[in-house]
PDB file of N, CA and C in Angstrom:
ATOM      1  N   MET A   1    -101.710  69.156 -37.429  1.00  0.00           N
ATOM      2  CA  MET A   1    -102.020  68.229 -38.478  1.00  0.00           C
ATOM      3  C   MET A   1    -101.470  68.791 -39.784  1.00  0.00           C
ATOM      4  N   LYS A   2    -100.920  67.943 -40.590  1.00  0.00           N
ATOM      5  CA  LYS A   2    -100.348  68.399 -41.875  1.00  0.00           C
ATOM      6  C   LYS A   2    -101.430  68.778 -42.844  1.00  0.00           C
ATOM      7  N   ARG A   3    -101.007  69.526 -43.866  1.00  0.00           N
ATOM      8  CA  ARG A   3    -101.962  70.019 -44.853  1.00  0.00           C
ATOM      9  C   ARG A   3    -102.676  68.890 -45.573  1.00  0.00           C
ATOM     10  N   ALA A   4    -101.995  67.804 -45.874  1.00  0.00           N
ATOM     11  CA  ALA A   4    -102.620  66.694 -46.573  1.00  0.00           C
ATOM     12  C   ALA A   4    -103.696  66.059 -45.700  1.00  0.00           C
ATOM     13  N   GLY A   5    -103.412  65.949 -44.405  1.00  0.00           N
ATOM     14  CA  GLY A   5    -104.403  65.399 -43.482  1.00  0.00           C
ATOM     15  C   GLY A   5    -105.637  66.284 -43.353  1.00  0.00           C
ATOM     16  N   MET A   6    -105.404  67.592 -43.264  1.00  0.00           N
ATOM     17  CA  MET A   6    -106.536  68.513 -43.190  1.00  0.00           C
ATOM     18  C   MET A   6    -107.345  68.496 -44.475  1.00  0.00           C
ATOM     19  N   TYR A   7    -106.674  68.374 -45.602  1.00  0.00           N
ATOM     20  CA  TYR A   7    -107.374  68.283 -46.897  1.00  0.00           C
ATOM     21  C   TYR A   7    -108.249  67.035 -46.920  1.00  0.00           C
ATOM     22  N   MET A   8    -107.724  65.932 -46.456  1.00  0.00           N
ATOM     23  CA  MET A   8    -108.499  64.687 -46.506  1.00  0.00           C
ATOM     24  C   MET A   8    -109.670  64.742 -45.530  1.00  0.00           C
ATOM     25  N   VAL A   9    -109.493  65.348 -44.362  1.00  0.00           N
ATOM     26  CA  VAL A   9    -110.598  65.478 -43.413  1.00  0.00           C
ATOM     27  C   VAL A   9    -111.710  66.342 -44.050  1.00  0.00           C
ATOM     28  N   GLY A  10    -111.350  67.448 -44.643  1.00  0.00           N
ATOM     29  CA  GLY A  10    -112.319  68.315 -45.288  1.00  0.00           C
ATOM     30  C   GLY A  10    -113.003  67.618 -46.459  1.00  0.00           C
ATOM     31  N   PHE A  11    -112.232  66.842 -47.218  1.00  0.00           N
ATOM     32  CA  PHE A  11    -112.811  66.138 -48.380  1.00  0.00           C
ATOM     33  C   PHE A  11    -113.802  65.068 -47.917  1.00  0.00           C
ATOM     34  N   VAL A  12    -113.465  64.350 -46.855  1.00  0.00           N
ATOM     35  CA  VAL A  12    -114.380  63.304 -46.339  1.00  0.00           C
ATOM     36  C   VAL A  12    -115.643  63.965 -45.801  1.00  0.00           C
ATOM     37  N   VAL A  13    -115.540  65.096 -45.145  1.00  0.00           N
ATOM     38  CA  VAL A  13    -116.719  65.828 -44.669  1.00  0.00           C
ATOM     39  C   VAL A  13    -117.559  66.259 -45.855  1.00  0.00           C
ATOM     40  N   LEU A  14    -116.943  66.774 -46.895  1.00  0.00           N
ATOM     41  CA  LEU A  14    -117.652  67.181 -48.109  1.00  0.00           C
ATOM     42  C   LEU A  14    -118.388  66.000 -48.733  1.00  0.00           C
ATOM     43  N   MET A  15    -117.692  64.875 -48.875  1.00  0.00           N
ATOM     44  CA  MET A  15    -118.321  63.685 -49.447  1.00  0.00           C
ATOM     45  C   MET A  15    -119.483  63.192 -48.585  1.00  0.00           C
ATOM     46  N   GLY A  16    -119.323  63.257 -47.269  1.00  0.00           N
ATOM     47  CA  GLY A  16    -120.408  62.887 -46.366  1.00  0.00           C
ATOM     48  C   GLY A  16    -121.617  63.770 -46.542  1.00  0.00           C
ATOM     49  N   GLY A  17    -121.386  65.067 -46.703  1.00  0.00           N
ATOM     50  CA  GLY A  17    -122.484  65.990 -46.958  1.00  0.00           C
ATOM     51  C   GLY A  17    -123.206  65.713 -48.261  1.00  0.00           C
ATOM     52  N   VAL A  18    -122.429  65.436 -49.316  1.00  0.00           N
ATOM     53  CA  VAL A  18    -123.043  65.140 -50.598  1.00  0.00           C
ATOM     54  C   VAL A  18    -123.861  63.850 -50.520  1.00  0.00           C
ATOM     55  N   LEU A  19    -123.304  62.823 -49.896  1.00  0.00           N
ATOM     56  CA  LEU A  19    -124.044  61.551 -49.760  1.00  0.00           C
ATOM     57  C   LEU A  19    -125.284  61.724 -48.904  1.00  0.00           C
ATOM     58  N   ALA A  20    -125.202  62.542 -47.846  1.00  0.00           N
ATOM     59  CA  ALA A  20    -126.391  62.801 -47.000  1.00  0.00           C
ATOM     60  C   ALA A  20    -127.471  63.516 -47.789  1.00  0.00           C
ATOM     61  N   ALA A  21    -127.057  64.480 -48.625  1.00  0.00           N
ATOM     62  CA  ALA A  21    -128.047  65.207 -49.434  1.00  0.00           C
ATOM     63  C   ALA A  21    -128.694  64.270 -50.452  1.00  0.00           C
ATOM     64  N   LEU A  22    -127.897  63.417 -51.089  1.00  0.00           N
ATOM     65  CA  LEU A  22    -128.475  62.463 -52.040  1.00  0.00           C
ATOM     66  C   LEU A  22    -129.399  61.466 -51.351  1.00  0.00           C
ATOM     67  N   TRP A  23    -129.063  61.065 -50.138  1.00  0.00           N
ATOM     68  CA  TRP A  23    -129.915  60.137 -49.393  1.00  0.00           C
ATOM     69  C   TRP A  23    -131.220  60.827 -49.018  1.00  0.00           C
ATOM     70  N   LYS A  24    -131.127  62.067 -48.564  1.00  0.00           N
ATOM     71  CA  LYS A  24    -132.326  62.807 -48.174  1.00  0.00           C
ATOM     72  C   LYS A  24    -133.264  63.066 -49.374  1.00  0.00           C
ATOM     73  N   LEU A  25    -132.708  63.259 -50.549  1.00  0.00           N
ATOM     74  CA  LEU A  25    -133.508  63.468 -51.756  1.00  0.00           C
ATOM     75  C   LEU A  25    -133.985  62.158 -52.367  1.00  0.00           C
ATOM     76  N   ALA A  26    -133.670  61.024 -51.752  1.00  0.00           N
ATOM     77  CA  ALA A  26    -134.074  59.675 -52.202  1.00  0.00           C
ATOM     78  C   ALA A  26    -133.450  59.314 -53.533  1.00  0.00           C
ATOM     79  N   VAL A  27    -132.326  59.940 -53.867  1.00  0.00           N
ATOM     80  CA  VAL A  27    -131.624  59.589 -55.095  1.00  0.00           C
ATOM     81  C   VAL A  27    -130.919  58.239 -54.899  1.00  0.00           C
ATOM     82  N   LEU A  28    -130.359  58.018 -53.712  1.00  0.00           N
ATOM     83  CA  LEU A  28    -129.626  56.780 -53.440  1.00  0.00           C
ATOM     84  C   LEU A  28    -130.549  55.571 -53.397  1.00  0.00           C
ATOM     85  N   ALA A  29    -131.828  55.785 -53.142  1.00  0.00           N
ATOM     86  CA  ALA A  29    -132.768  54.662 -53.120  1.00  0.00           C
ATOM     87  C   ALA A  29    -133.021  54.118 -54.529  1.00  0.00           C
ATOM     88  N   ASN A  30    -132.833  54.943 -55.543  1.00  0.00           N
ATOM     89  CA  ASN A  30    -133.079  54.526 -56.918  1.00  0.00           C
ATOM     90  C   ASN A  30    -131.920  53.800 -57.563  1.00  0.00           C
ATOM     91  N   ILE A  31    -130.737  53.921 -56.966  1.00  0.00           N
ATOM     92  CA  ILE A  31    -129.584  53.215 -57.526  1.00  0.00           C
ATOM     93  C   ILE A  31    -129.141  52.189 -56.509  1.00  0.00           C
ATOM     94  N   GLY A  32    -128.403  51.216 -56.955  1.00  0.00           N
ATOM     95  CA  GLY A  32    -127.980  50.135 -56.076  1.00  0.00           C
ATOM     96  C   GLY A  32    -126.855  50.552 -55.132  1.00  0.00           C
ATOM     97  N   ALA A  33    -126.644  49.727 -54.118  1.00  0.00           N
ATOM     98  CA  ALA A  33    -125.607  49.987 -53.119  1.00  0.00           C
ATOM     99  C   ALA A  33    -124.206  49.921 -53.744  1.00  0.00           C
ATOM    100  N   ILE A  34    -124.002  49.018 -54.676  1.00  0.00           N
ATOM    101  CA  ILE A  34    -122.678  48.885 -55.314  1.00  0.00           C
ATOM    102  C   ILE A  34    -122.336  50.151 -56.068  1.00  0.00           C
ATOM    103  N   TRP A  35    -123.298  50.706 -56.822  1.00  0.00           N
ATOM    104  CA  TRP A  35    -123.023  51.942 -57.553  1.00  0.00           C
ATOM    105  C   TRP A  35    -122.797  53.113 -56.638  1.00  0.00           C
ATOM    106  N   THR A  36    -123.451  53.106 -55.493  1.00  0.00           N
ATOM    107  CA  THR A  36    -123.253  54.149 -54.491  1.00  0.00           C
ATOM    108  C   THR A  36    -121.821  54.080 -53.945  1.00  0.00           C
ATOM    109  N   ILE A  37    -121.362  52.886 -53.662  1.00  0.00           N
ATOM    110  CA  ILE A  37    -119.995  52.688 -53.146  1.00  0.00           C
ATOM    111  C   ILE A  37    -118.965  53.077 -54.223  1.00  0.00           C
ATOM    112  N   ILE A  38    -119.215  52.666 -55.461  1.00  0.00           N
ATOM    113  CA  ILE A  38    -118.318  53.020 -56.551  1.00  0.00           C
ATOM    114  C   ILE A  38    -118.264  54.525 -56.705  1.00  0.00           C
ATOM    115  N   GLY A  39    -119.433  55.166 -56.678  1.00  0.00           N
ATOM    116  CA  GLY A  39    -119.481  56.614 -56.827  1.00  0.00           C
ATOM    117  C   GLY A  39    -118.820  57.337 -55.691  1.00  0.00           C
ATOM    118  N   ALA A  40    -118.765  56.744 -54.502  1.00  0.00           N
ATOM    119  CA  ALA A  40    -118.072  57.376 -53.376  1.00  0.00           C
ATOM    120  C   ALA A  40    -116.565  57.131 -53.421  1.00  0.00           C
ATOM    121  N   LEU A  41    -116.150  55.966 -53.925  1.00  0.00           N
ATOM    122  CA  LEU A  41    -114.736  55.650 -53.939  1.00  0.00           C
ATOM    123  C   LEU A  41    -113.962  56.433 -55.005  1.00  0.00           C
ATOM    124  N   ILE A  42    -114.583  56.727 -56.121  1.00  0.00           N
ATOM    125  CA  ILE A  42    -113.887  57.454 -57.183  1.00  0.00           C
ATOM    126  C   ILE A  42    -113.460  58.843 -56.713  1.00  0.00           C
ATOM    127  N   PRO A  43    -114.363  59.687 -56.177  1.00  0.00           N
ATOM    128  CA  PRO A  43    -113.883  60.993 -55.710  1.00  0.00           C
ATOM    129  C   PRO A  43    -112.950  60.889 -54.480  1.00  0.00           C
ATOM    130  N   LEU A  44    -113.133  59.861 -53.677  1.00  0.00           N
ATOM    131  CA  LEU A  44    -112.230  59.673 -52.535  1.00  0.00           C
ATOM    132  C   LEU A  44    -110.816  59.382 -53.029  1.00  0.00           C
ATOM    133  N   GLY A  45    -110.689  58.547 -54.032  1.00  0.00           N
ATOM    134  CA  GLY A  45    -109.394  58.270 -54.612  1.00  0.00           C
ATOM    135  C   GLY A  45    -108.765  59.495 -55.247  1.00  0.00           C
ATOM    136  N   CYS A  46    -109.582  60.312 -55.912  1.00  0.00           N
ATOM    137  CA  CYS A  46    -109.073  61.571 -56.482  1.00  0.00           C
ATOM    138  C   CYS A  46    -108.632  62.513 -55.369  1.00  0.00           C
ATOM    139  N   GLY A  47    -109.400  62.547 -54.277  1.00  0.00           N
ATOM    140  CA  GLY A  47    -108.997  63.397 -53.162  1.00  0.00           C
ATOM    141  C   GLY A  47    -107.675  62.970 -52.541  1.00  0.00           C
ATOM    142  N   ILE A  48    -107.443  61.663 -52.435  1.00  0.00           N
ATOM    143  CA  ILE A  48    -106.172  61.174 -51.909  1.00  0.00           C
ATOM    144  C   ILE A  48    -105.033  61.561 -52.842  1.00  0.00           C
ATOM    145  N   MET A  49    -105.239  61.412 -54.140  1.00  0.00           N
ATOM    146  CA  MET A  49    -104.196  61.789 -55.106  1.00  0.00           C
ATOM    147  C   MET A  49    -103.862  63.280 -55.035  1.00  0.00           C
ATOM    148  N   PHE A  50    -104.901  64.143 -54.957  1.00  0.00           N
ATOM    149  CA  PHE A  50    -104.664  65.564 -54.859  1.00  0.00           C
ATOM    150  C   PHE A  50    -103.988  65.928 -53.543  1.00  0.00           C
ATOM    151  N   ALA A  51    -104.360  65.267 -52.450  1.00  0.00           N
ATOM    152  CA  ALA A  51    -103.766  65.580 -51.168  1.00  0.00           C
ATOM    153  C   ALA A  51    -102.281  65.207 -51.141  1.00  0.00           C
ATOM    154  N   VAL A  52    -101.954  64.057 -51.705  1.00  0.00           N
ATOM    155  CA  VAL A  52    -100.552  63.627 -51.748  1.00  0.00           C
ATOM    156  C   VAL A  52     -99.731  64.499 -52.689  1.00  0.00           C
ATOM    157  N   ALA A  53    -100.345  64.875 -53.819  1.00  0.00           N
ATOM    158  CA  ALA A  53     -99.618  65.672 -54.793  1.00  0.00           C
ATOM    159  C   ALA A  53     -99.337  67.086 -54.251  1.00  0.00           C
ATOM    160  N   ASN A  54    -100.223  67.627 -53.436  1.00  0.00           N
ATOM    161  CA  ASN A  54    -100.052  68.981 -52.928  1.00  0.00           C
ATOM    162  C   ASN A  54     -99.440  69.053 -51.529  1.00  0.00           C
ATOM    163  N   SER A  55     -99.010  67.949 -50.995  1.00  0.00           N
ATOM    164  CA  SER A  55     -98.438  67.954 -49.647  1.00  0.00           C
ATOM    165  C   SER A  55     -96.934  68.085 -49.710  1.00  0.00           C
ATOM    166  N   GLY A  56     -96.396  68.699 -48.679  1.00  0.00           N
ATOM    167  CA  GLY A  56     -94.929  68.802 -48.575  1.00  0.00           C
ATOM    168  C   GLY A  56     -94.347  69.829 -49.499  1.00  0.00           C
ATOM    169  N   SER A  57     -93.119  70.124 -49.252  1.00  0.00           N
ATOM    170  CA  SER A  57     -92.409  71.108 -50.081  1.00  0.00           C
ATOM    171  C   SER A  57     -91.531  70.352 -51.082  1.00  0.00           C
ATOM    172  N   LYS A  58     -91.399  70.912 -52.218  1.00  0.00           N
ATOM    173  CA  LYS A  58     -90.593  70.318 -53.278  1.00  0.00           C
ATOM    174  C   LYS A  58     -89.207  70.970 -53.270  1.00  0.00           C
ATOM    175  N   GLU A  59     -88.314  70.424 -52.486  1.00  0.00           N
ATOM    176  CA  GLU A  59     -86.982  71.001 -52.367  1.00  0.00           C
ATOM    177  C   GLU A  59     -85.947  69.966 -52.788  1.00  0.00           C
ATOM    178  N   ASN A  60     -84.855  70.466 -53.332  1.00  0.00           N
ATOM    179  CA  ASN A  60     -83.732  69.590 -53.677  1.00  0.00           C
ATOM    180  C   ASN A  60     -82.767  69.536 -52.516  1.00  0.00           C
ATOM    181  N   SER A  61     -82.207  68.361 -52.269  1.00  0.00           N
ATOM    182  CA  SER A  61     -81.242  68.205 -51.195  1.00  0.00           C
ATOM    183  C   SER A  61     -79.847  68.318 -51.764  1.00  0.00           C
ATOM    184  N   GLN A  62     -78.978  68.994 -51.023  1.00  0.00           N
ATOM    185  CA  GLN A  62     -77.589  69.121 -51.403  1.00  0.00           C
ATOM    186  C   GLN A  62     -76.779  68.140 -50.558  1.00  0.00           C
ATOM    187  N   ILE A  63     -75.921  67.347 -51.189  1.00  0.00           N
ATOM    188  CA  ILE A  63     -75.076  66.383 -50.479  1.00  0.00           C
ATOM    189  C   ILE A  63     -73.648  66.865 -50.572  1.00  0.00           C
ATOM    190  N   ASP A  64     -73.024  67.031 -49.402  1.00  0.00           N
ATOM    191  CA  ASP A  64     -71.635  67.456 -49.359  1.00  0.00           C
ATOM    192  C   ASP A  64     -70.766  66.216 -49.362  1.00  0.00           C
ATOM    193  N   ARG A  65     -70.003  66.001 -50.429  1.00  0.00           N
ATOM    194  CA  ARG A  65     -69.213  64.785 -50.581  1.00  0.00           C
ATOM    195  C   ARG A  65     -67.732  65.011 -50.263  1.00  0.00           C
ATOM    196  N   SER A  66     -67.440  65.899 -49.388  1.00  0.00           N
ATOM    197  CA  SER A  66     -66.006  66.140 -49.071  1.00  0.00           C
ATOM    198  C   SER A  66     -65.546  65.385 -47.866  1.00  0.00           C
TER     199      SER A  66
END
């Protein structure tokens, strides 16, 4: 699996753990479902951006035009 994929798997597991902890502490019961979804989507989007930005090698290609 590529590094970006492993990063996203780890990030989703981390977010799942955070949401489970907030649910267990009854924090999620005090806020609405929409705000919970919004709060989960923002870090997920940041995780996708970081995974894409840090994936692959940054190399220049040489083209032989002879």
